[in-house]
Amino acid sequence: MQTKWTTPDLCDAFPEVGVAEPLFRDFGGKLAFSGQIVTIRCMEDNSRVREQVEGEGTGKVLVVDGGGSLRHALLGDMLAEKAVANGWAGVLIHGGVRDVEVLGNLPLGIKALAATPMKTDKRGLGDVDVPVRFAGVSFVPGHWLYADANGVIVAEAELILPA
């Protein structure tokens, strides 16, 4: 498994990758992360996010399409700590996060649009493992996401840089 990469190097070697629009800020303590995509589509309800981070996440990145809403945070310190405990590589959120002081100290990649202090309502709503599209690219369950300080890219399969 390739451990040393940057998104620019991957884009140079694999020009067919999808490149997300540069909408996201880094909030986690881990700036570079990659893994197989698991998706959630939810609007201002992080019930499905909780369910996913409580499960095994080794080698996976959780992609959450919150519709770009910044009214309620879809990830905070408690759920991020669960993600770390269960091995998730990272979380990409088309929406907001909160508890940013704690998130920045966790060994988890977290990219989101912005910070917002309001928690979500828990109504049990949302779809898991459905293709989602935002930031100009499609995120398909089972495909791969690579993120670092340069941006976010997606590929249909794991990318290995030539030696």
Protein backbone atom coordinates (compact mmCIF):
# COMPACT_ATOMS: atom_id res chain seq x y z
CA MET A 1 0.00 0.00 0.00
CA GLN A 2 1.32 3.41 -1.00
CA THR A 3 2.01 5.53 2.08
CA LYS A 4 3.74 8.59 0.59
CA TRP A 5 1.63 10.63 -1.80
CA THR A 6 0.33 14.11 -2.39
CA THR A 7 -2.78 14.99 -4.34
CA PRO A 8 -0.69 16.93 -6.92
CA ASP A 9 1.48 13.83 -7.50
CA LEU A 10 -1.62 11.66 -7.85
CA CYS A 11 -3.20 14.15 -10.30
CA ASP A 12 0.00 14.15 -12.38
CA ALA A 13 0.13 10.35 -12.50
CA PHE A 14 -3.63 9.83 -12.89
CA PRO A 15 -5.14 12.80 -14.76
CA GLU A 16 -8.53 11.08 -14.96
CA VAL A 17 -9.23 11.56 -11.23
CA GLY A 18 -12.05 13.81 -10.12
CA VAL A 19 -10.91 16.97 -8.38
CA ALA A 20 -13.29 18.57 -5.90
CA GLU A 21 -13.79 22.32 -5.98
CA PRO A 22 -11.68 23.94 -3.22
CA LEU A 23 -14.53 24.53 -0.78
CA PHE A 24 -13.24 22.70 2.28
CA ARG A 25 -11.26 23.73 5.34
CA ASP A 26 -9.12 21.39 7.43
CA PHE A 27 -10.39 20.81 10.95
CA GLY A 28 -8.75 17.53 11.99
CA GLY A 29 -5.30 16.90 13.37
CA LYS A 30 -4.40 14.76 10.36
CA LEU A 31 -4.03 16.82 7.18
CA ALA A 32 -3.52 13.99 4.68
CA PHE A 33 -5.87 11.00 4.57
CA SER A 34 -7.24 8.49 2.13
CA GLY A 35 -9.49 5.47 1.95
CA GLN A 36 -12.50 3.79 0.47
CA ILE A 37 -15.58 5.97 0.42
CA VAL A 38 -18.64 5.36 2.60
CA THR A 39 -21.38 7.91 1.94
CA ILE A 40 -24.22 9.50 3.86
CA ARG A 41 -26.82 11.93 2.56
CA CYS A 42 -28.50 13.81 5.40
CA MET A 43 -29.89 17.26 6.10
CA GLU A 44 -29.26 18.77 9.51
CA ASP A 45 -29.55 15.35 11.20
CA ASN A 46 -26.38 13.43 12.08
CA SER A 47 -28.08 10.21 13.22
CA ARG A 48 -26.55 8.23 10.34
CA VAL A 49 -23.14 9.82 10.95
CA ARG A 50 -23.27 8.51 14.52
CA GLU A 51 -24.20 5.01 13.30
CA GLN A 52 -21.30 4.92 10.85
CA VAL A 53 -18.54 6.23 13.12
CA GLU A 54 -19.60 3.72 15.79
CA GLY A 55 -18.72 0.93 13.31
CA GLU A 56 -15.44 -0.36 11.92
CA GLY A 57 -13.82 2.28 9.72
CA THR A 58 -10.29 1.04 9.05
CA GLY A 59 -9.21 2.11 5.58
CA LYS A 60 -12.37 4.15 5.02
CA VAL A 61 -13.35 7.78 4.59
CA LEU A 62 -16.84 8.93 5.52
CA VAL A 63 -18.28 11.37 2.97
CA VAL A 64 -21.28 13.27 4.30
CA ASP A 65 -23.50 15.27 1.97
CA GLY A 66 -25.26 17.69 4.27
CA GLY A 67 -26.53 19.78 1.39
CA GLY A 68 -24.06 22.52 2.25
CA SER A 69 -26.17 23.57 5.24
CA LEU A 70 -24.31 25.44 7.96
CA ARG A 71 -27.27 25.75 10.34
CA HIS A 72 -26.32 22.58 12.27
CA ALA A 73 -22.98 20.79 12.71
CA LEU A 74 -22.92 17.23 11.41
CA LEU A 75 -19.76 16.30 13.35
CA GLY A 76 -18.49 17.34 16.76
CA ASP A 77 -15.92 16.15 19.27
CA MET A 78 -17.82 13.10 20.56
CA LEU A 79 -18.52 11.61 17.12
CA ALA A 80 -15.01 12.43 15.92
CA GLU A 81 -13.56 10.61 18.94
CA LYS A 82 -15.71 7.58 18.05
CA ALA A 83 -14.37 7.74 14.49
CA VAL A 84 -10.78 7.71 15.80
CA ALA A 85 -11.53 4.81 18.15
CA ASN A 86 -12.97 2.80 15.25
CA GLY A 87 -10.12 3.43 12.83
CA TRP A 88 -11.71 5.83 10.32
CA ALA A 89 -9.10 7.57 8.16
CA GLY A 90 -11.11 10.73 7.69
CA VAL A 91 -14.38 12.54 7.21
CA LEU A 92 -15.36 14.93 4.42
CA ILE A 93 -18.48 16.98 5.17
CA HIS A 94 -20.46 19.13 2.77
CA GLY A 95 -21.73 21.03 5.78
CA GLY A 96 -20.49 22.17 9.16
CA VAL A 97 -18.60 20.87 12.19
CA ARG A 98 -18.26 22.09 15.77
CA ASP A 99 -15.91 21.69 18.75
CA VAL A 100 -13.06 22.69 16.46
CA GLU A 101 -10.54 23.09 19.27
CA VAL A 102 -10.87 19.37 20.05
CA LEU A 103 -11.11 18.26 16.41
CA GLY A 104 -7.75 19.85 15.67
CA ASN A 105 -6.08 17.64 18.27
CA LEU A 106 -7.49 14.33 17.02
CA PRO A 107 -5.54 12.00 14.70
CA LEU A 108 -8.34 12.14 12.13
CA GLY A 109 -8.61 13.86 8.78
CA ILE A 110 -11.60 16.21 8.82
CA LYS A 111 -12.57 18.56 6.02
CA ALA A 112 -15.78 20.59 6.09
CA LEU A 113 -17.17 23.86 4.78
CA ALA A 114 -17.09 25.76 8.09
CA ALA A 115 -17.58 25.63 11.83
CA THR A 116 -21.00 26.23 13.33
CA PRO A 117 -21.96 25.82 17.00
CA MET A 118 -25.50 24.39 16.74
CA LYS A 119 -26.00 20.64 17.21
CA THR A 120 -28.39 18.66 15.01
CA ASP A 121 -31.78 17.22 15.77
CA LYS A 122 -31.71 13.43 15.99
CA ARG A 123 -34.60 12.21 13.85
CA GLY A 124 -33.03 9.06 12.40
CA LEU A 125 -33.06 10.52 8.88
CA GLY A 126 -30.55 10.06 6.09
CA ASP A 127 -29.38 7.61 3.45
CA VAL A 128 -26.24 5.48 3.66
CA ASP A 129 -24.11 4.13 0.80
CA VAL A 130 -25.79 6.13 -1.95
CA PRO A 131 -23.87 8.07 -4.60
CA VAL A 132 -23.70 11.78 -3.70
CA ARG A 133 -22.50 14.76 -5.70
CA PHE A 134 -21.15 18.09 -4.49
CA ALA A 135 -18.10 20.30 -5.09
CA GLY A 136 -18.25 19.31 -8.77
CA VAL A 137 -17.53 15.59 -8.29
CA SER A 138 -19.42 12.38 -7.56
CA PHE A 139 -18.61 10.38 -4.44
CA VAL A 140 -19.51 6.73 -4.99
CA PRO A 141 -19.43 4.12 -2.20
CA GLY A 142 -16.40 1.87 -2.69
CA HIS A 143 -14.45 4.42 -4.74
CA TRP A 144 -11.38 6.10 -3.19
CA LEU A 145 -10.87 9.55 -1.73
CA TYR A 146 -7.50 11.24 -1.24
CA ALA A 147 -7.24 14.52 0.66
CA ASP A 148 -4.39 16.73 1.79
CA ALA A 149 -3.63 20.43 2.17
CA ASN A 150 -3.79 20.77 -1.64
CA GLY A 151 -7.34 19.48 -2.02
CA VAL A 152 -9.60 16.49 -2.43
CA ILE A 153 -9.58 13.99 -5.29
CA VAL A 154 -11.65 10.90 -6.02
CA ALA A 155 -10.83 7.80 -8.05
CA GLU A 156 -12.67 4.63 -8.97
CA ALA A 157 -9.90 2.46 -7.49
CA GLU A 158 -6.95 2.74 -5.14
CA LEU A 159 -4.13 4.78 -6.67
CA ILE A 160 -0.55 3.55 -6.39
CA LEU A 161 2.22 5.88 -7.55
CA PRO A 162 4.83 4.23 -9.76
CA ALA A 163 8.17 3.63 -8.05
